[in-house]
């Protein structure tokens, strides 16, 4: 009886030990599975929650943004003002230098054109330069100069022709009769005038005109010539003298424009 009881007790102890061992093994297996299988852990409710994401909202300022002047210090503002002043001075100096260079170029072209006219040679390369520099505001003068250069009249030629025309200028016209010639000669012998007025005698007037002409005063010589009795005999010389005067007046005009800075503006060349 005692032996059976002991055997029965031992079997129950073994069963309990195996049961505990199986429970421990199952718990360990379940724990390992939950750590490896996230879906099963979430299904049971033992999975760890993901960390919360913190989103920082930007701070919106209701005040207006600072201006460039407010963000700069007083020293920076003073430095910028100094730089702006220097930049303005440099720009002014550059404009003045450009104006001076343009004025010098215009004067050089005008002087070269006068030299060509006085020598009685063609303008050549100076013609388009004159048009570019002065054609916009002095088109009439440029046209006169270009025309004069194509049919030049030199001072020396005017003087030589005037000396050749002397007898004809001092004498009467081709239609003058003997009575008119006698009266003219008689008026030349006896004349009444004030002491401070020039002599109206043809010879004296001719001499004054020739002296003015040799001095380059063609306009004054022309005025004296037109009062001579034989002026009608010098129509060709008078026409050439007028062309000479017109050309040199046009040269004076563009030289004055160059000195005043009016010839520094470049314009496209045009045929005249």
Protein backbone atom coordinates (compact mmCIF):
# COMPACT_ATOMS: atom_id res chain seq x y z
CA UNK A 1 0.00 0.00 0.00
CA UNK A 2 2.82 2.24 0.88
CA UNK A 3 4.67 1.38 -2.29
CA UNK A 4 1.69 2.22 -4.49
CA UNK A 5 1.20 5.53 -2.78
CA UNK A 6 4.81 6.48 -3.33
CA UNK A 7 4.63 5.57 -7.02
CA UNK A 8 1.42 7.59 -7.43
CA UNK A 9 3.00 10.60 -5.77
CA UNK A 10 6.10 10.41 -7.98
CA UNK A 11 4.11 10.31 -11.16
CA UNK A 12 2.20 13.46 -10.22
CA UNK A 13 5.42 15.25 -9.38
CA UNK A 14 6.86 14.37 -12.75
CA UNK A 15 3.72 15.56 -14.51
CA UNK A 16 3.81 18.89 -12.66
CA UNK A 17 7.49 19.36 -13.46
CA UNK A 18 6.90 18.70 -17.15
CA UNK A 19 3.95 21.05 -17.17
CA UNK A 20 5.98 23.84 -15.63
CA UNK A 21 8.80 23.18 -18.09
CA UNK A 22 6.39 23.36 -21.02
CA UNK A 23 4.87 26.61 -19.68
CA UNK A 24 8.28 28.21 -19.33
CA UNK A 25 9.28 27.04 -22.81
CA UNK A 26 6.01 28.35 -24.31
CA UNK A 27 6.39 31.71 -22.58
CA UNK A 28 9.95 32.02 -23.84
CA UNK A 29 8.89 31.06 -27.34
CA UNK A 30 6.01 33.57 -27.26
CA UNK A 31 8.27 36.31 -26.00
CA UNK A 32 10.80 35.61 -28.76
CA UNK A 33 8.07 35.60 -31.38
CA UNK A 34 6.61 38.90 -30.24
CA UNK A 35 10.02 40.55 -30.41
CA UNK A 36 10.55 39.29 -33.98
CA UNK A 37 7.01 39.62 -35.36
CA UNK A 38 5.72 43.23 -35.17
CA UNK A 39 2.27 42.48 -36.60
CA UNK A 40 1.58 39.85 -33.89
CA UNK A 41 2.76 42.25 -31.21
CA UNK A 42 0.49 44.99 -32.58
CA UNK A 43 -2.40 42.47 -32.75
CA UNK A 44 -1.96 41.55 -29.10
CA UNK A 45 -1.39 45.22 -28.14
CA UNK A 46 2.07 44.93 -26.69
CA UNK A 47 4.03 46.63 -29.56
CA UNK A 48 5.81 49.87 -28.59
CA UNK A 49 4.22 53.12 -29.88
CA UNK A 50 6.20 55.13 -32.48
CA UNK A 51 7.78 58.33 -31.17
CA UNK A 52 5.76 61.47 -31.60
CA UNK A 53 7.00 63.89 -34.32
CA UNK A 54 7.26 67.45 -33.11
CA UNK A 55 6.55 70.03 -35.85
CA UNK A 56 7.61 73.59 -35.07
CA UNK A 57 5.40 76.24 -36.63
CA UNK A 58 7.24 79.29 -38.03
CA UNK A 59 6.83 82.45 -36.05
CA UNK A 60 5.00 85.00 -38.20
CA UNK A 61 5.92 88.55 -37.36
CA UNK A 62 3.33 91.24 -37.91
CA UNK A 63 5.93 94.03 -37.98
CA UNK A 64 7.26 95.22 -41.40
CA UNK A 65 10.71 93.97 -42.45
CA UNK A 66 13.57 96.34 -41.72
CA UNK A 67 14.78 98.46 -44.60
CA UNK A 68 18.37 98.41 -45.88
CA UNK A 69 19.11 101.71 -44.16
CA UNK A 70 17.71 100.39 -40.81
CA UNK A 71 19.82 97.24 -41.06
CA UNK A 72 23.01 99.23 -41.65
CA UNK A 73 25.00 100.98 -39.02
CA UNK A 74 25.78 104.69 -39.11
CA UNK A 75 29.33 103.95 -40.24
CA UNK A 76 28.04 101.85 -43.17
CA UNK A 77 25.63 104.58 -44.24
CA UNK A 78 28.43 107.16 -44.17
CA UNK A 79 30.72 104.86 -46.16
CA UNK A 80 28.03 104.28 -48.80
CA UNK A 81 27.41 108.02 -49.08
CA UNK A 82 31.13 108.59 -49.59
CA UNK A 83 31.29 105.92 -52.29
CA UNK A 84 28.26 107.41 -54.07
CA UNK A 85 29.89 110.86 -53.98
CA UNK A 86 33.12 109.48 -55.44
CA UNK A 87 31.20 107.61 -58.14
CA UNK A 88 29.36 110.78 -59.13
CA UNK A 89 32.65 112.66 -59.33
CA UNK A 90 34.17 109.93 -61.51
CA UNK A 91 31.16 109.95 -63.84
CA UNK A 92 31.35 113.73 -64.12
CA UNK A 93 35.06 113.61 -64.89
CA UNK A 94 34.48 110.91 -67.51
CA UNK A 95 31.76 112.97 -69.20
CA UNK A 96 33.99 116.05 -69.17
CA UNK A 97 36.87 114.08 -70.66
CA UNK A 98 34.61 112.67 -73.38
CA UNK A 99 33.34 116.18 -74.15
CA UNK A 100 36.88 117.56 -74.34
CA UNK A 101 37.98 114.75 -76.63
CA UNK A 102 34.98 115.32 -78.89
CA UNK A 103 35.66 119.07 -79.00
CA UNK A 104 39.31 118.48 -79.88
CA UNK A 105 38.36 116.08 -82.68
CA UNK A 106 35.83 118.57 -84.08
CA UNK A 107 38.37 121.39 -84.02
CA UNK A 108 40.97 119.23 -85.74
CA UNK A 109 38.53 118.38 -88.52
CA UNK A 110 37.47 122.03 -88.94
CA UNK A 111 41.09 123.27 -89.10
CA UNK A 112 42.02 120.55 -91.60
CA UNK A 113 39.06 121.53 -93.79
CA UNK A 114 40.15 125.20 -93.74
CA UNK A 115 43.68 124.23 -94.72
CA UNK A 116 42.37 122.17 -97.64
CA UNK A 117 40.13 125.04 -98.83
CA UNK A 118 42.96 127.58 -98.57
CA UNK A 119 45.29 125.31 -100.53
CA UNK A 120 42.64 124.67 -103.16
CA UNK A 121 42.65 120.87 -102.82
CA UNK A 122 39.79 118.41 -102.48
CA UNK A 123 38.59 117.49 -99.00
CA UNK A 124 38.95 113.75 -99.58
CA UNK A 125 38.50 111.81 -96.33
CA UNK A 126 37.55 115.03 -94.53
CA UNK A 127 34.24 115.26 -96.37
CA UNK A 128 32.46 112.37 -94.54
CA UNK A 129 34.03 113.47 -91.24
CA UNK A 130 32.60 116.97 -91.70
CA UNK A 131 29.17 115.52 -92.41
CA UNK A 132 29.34 113.25 -89.35
CA UNK A 133 30.49 115.99 -86.98
CA UNK A 134 28.54 119.03 -88.20
CA UNK A 135 25.95 117.81 -90.71
CA UNK A 136 23.11 117.54 -88.18
CA UNK A 137 23.13 121.21 -87.12
CA UNK A 138 25.17 122.98 -89.82
CA UNK A 139 24.07 121.29 -93.01
CA UNK A 140 24.10 124.52 -95.06
CA UNK A 141 27.66 125.34 -94.07
CA UNK A 142 28.86 121.81 -94.79
CA UNK A 143 27.21 121.90 -98.20
CA UNK A 144 28.94 125.22 -98.97
CA UNK A 145 32.35 123.89 -97.90
CA UNK A 146 32.02 120.68 -99.90
CA UNK A 147 30.90 122.59 -103.01
CA UNK A 148 33.80 125.05 -102.65
CA UNK A 149 36.29 122.18 -102.34
CA UNK A 150 35.11 120.70 -105.63
CA UNK A 151 35.72 123.98 -107.47
CA UNK A 152 38.37 125.67 -105.30
CA UNK A 153 39.09 129.41 -105.25
CA UNK A 154 42.45 130.44 -103.81
CA UNK A 155 43.33 133.88 -102.53
CA UNK A 156 46.42 134.03 -104.70
CA UNK A 157 44.30 133.41 -107.78
CA UNK A 158 41.93 136.23 -106.83
CA UNK A 159 44.82 138.65 -106.40
CA UNK A 160 46.38 137.75 -109.76
CA UNK A 161 43.06 138.06 -111.58
CA UNK A 162 42.31 141.37 -109.86
CA UNK A 163 45.63 142.86 -110.93
CA UNK A 164 44.93 141.78 -114.50
CA UNK A 165 41.49 143.44 -114.37
CA UNK A 166 42.90 146.74 -113.08
CA UNK A 167 42.51 148.84 -116.25
CA UNK A 168 39.02 147.48 -116.88
CA UNK A 169 37.93 148.11 -113.30
CA UNK A 170 39.24 151.68 -113.31
CA UNK A 171 37.72 152.38 -116.74
CA UNK A 172 34.09 152.39 -117.76
CA UNK A 173 31.81 149.65 -118.92
CA UNK A 174 31.51 148.41 -122.51
CA UNK A 175 28.44 150.56 -123.10
CA UNK A 176 30.04 153.77 -121.83
CA UNK A 177 30.13 156.54 -124.45
CA UNK A 178 32.76 159.19 -124.95
CA UNK A 179 30.70 161.78 -123.05
CA UNK A 180 30.29 159.50 -120.03
CA UNK A 181 33.97 158.71 -120.11
CA UNK A 182 34.82 162.44 -120.28
CA UNK A 183 32.61 163.22 -117.31
CA UNK A 184 34.12 160.35 -115.34
CA UNK A 185 37.64 161.51 -116.03
CA UNK A 186 36.71 165.08 -115.20
CA UNK A 187 35.14 163.93 -111.93
CA UNK A 188 38.35 162.13 -111.12
CA UNK A 189 40.39 165.25 -111.59
CA UNK A 190 38.20 167.54 -109.51
CA UNK A 191 36.39 166.12 -106.47
CA UNK A 192 35.18 167.52 -103.21
CA UNK A 193 35.24 165.40 -100.03
CA UNK A 194 35.92 165.61 -96.34
CA UNK A 195 39.45 165.09 -95.21
CA UNK A 196 38.59 161.98 -93.15
CA UNK A 197 36.79 160.18 -96.00
CA UNK A 198 38.60 157.97 -98.53
CA UNK A 199 39.05 159.27 -102.05
CA UNK A 200 36.28 158.25 -104.47
CA UNK A 201 38.63 158.37 -107.44
CA UNK A 202 38.70 155.04 -109.31
CA UNK A 203 42.47 154.68 -108.97
CA UNK A 204 42.38 155.29 -105.22
CA UNK A 205 39.42 152.94 -104.77
CA UNK A 206 41.14 150.26 -106.83
CA UNK A 207 44.33 150.60 -104.80
CA UNK A 208 42.39 150.23 -101.54
CA UNK A 209 40.57 147.17 -102.87
CA UNK A 210 43.83 145.55 -103.99
CA UNK A 211 45.45 146.19 -100.59
CA UNK A 212 42.45 144.67 -98.79
CA UNK A 213 42.51 141.71 -101.13
CA UNK A 214 46.21 141.00 -100.51
CA UNK A 215 45.54 141.17 -96.76
CA UNK A 216 42.90 138.45 -97.09
CA UNK A 217 39.96 140.82 -96.56
CA UNK A 218 38.10 139.62 -99.62
CA UNK A 219 34.72 140.93 -98.46
CA UNK A 220 36.09 144.48 -98.03
CA UNK A 221 37.85 144.29 -101.41
CA UNK A 222 34.60 143.15 -103.01
CA UNK A 223 32.71 146.07 -101.50
CA UNK A 224 35.26 148.55 -102.94
CA UNK A 225 35.20 146.79 -106.29
CA UNK A 226 31.43 147.08 -106.63
CA UNK A 227 31.83 150.90 -106.49
CA UNK A 228 34.37 151.01 -109.31
CA UNK A 229 33.11 152.22 -112.69
CA UNK A 230 34.27 149.05 -114.47
CA UNK A 231 32.82 146.55 -111.97
CA UNK A 232 30.63 145.20 -114.73
CA UNK A 233 33.79 144.04 -116.49
CA UNK A 234 34.73 141.80 -113.53
CA UNK A 235 31.63 139.60 -113.22
CA UNK A 236 33.71 136.40 -113.21
CA UNK A 237 36.03 137.71 -110.51
CA UNK A 238 33.09 138.93 -108.45
CA UNK A 239 31.46 135.49 -108.61
CA UNK A 240 34.65 133.75 -107.53
CA UNK A 241 35.19 136.25 -104.71
CA UNK A 242 31.66 135.63 -103.42
CA UNK A 243 32.25 131.87 -103.42
CA UNK A 244 35.49 132.39 -101.51
CA UNK A 245 33.71 134.55 -98.92
CA UNK A 246 30.85 132.05 -98.52
CA UNK A 247 33.23 129.13 -98.03
CA UNK A 248 35.26 130.93 -95.37
CA UNK A 249 32.17 132.10 -93.54
CA UNK A 250 31.01 128.47 -93.44
CA UNK A 251 34.43 127.48 -92.10
CA UNK A 252 34.16 130.17 -89.41
CA UNK A 253 30.76 128.78 -88.43
CA UNK A 254 31.88 125.19 -87.94
CA UNK A 255 35.02 126.30 -86.10
CA UNK A 256 32.88 128.31 -83.68
CA UNK A 257 30.59 125.31 -83.27
CA UNK A 258 33.57 123.08 -82.51
CA UNK A 259 34.88 125.54 -79.90
CA UNK A 260 31.46 125.66 -78.24
CA UNK A 261 31.18 121.88 -78.24
CA UNK A 262 28.46 121.79 -80.89
CA UNK A 263 30.47 119.58 -83.21
CA UNK A 264 31.10 116.66 -80.83
CA UNK A 265 27.91 114.82 -81.74
CA UNK A 266 28.40 112.05 -84.27
CA UNK A 267 25.69 111.46 -86.87
CA UNK A 268 25.59 109.02 -89.78
CA UNK A 269 27.31 110.33 -92.88
CA UNK A 270 25.00 111.41 -95.68
CA UNK A 271 25.76 112.37 -99.23
CA UNK A 272 25.59 116.09 -99.89
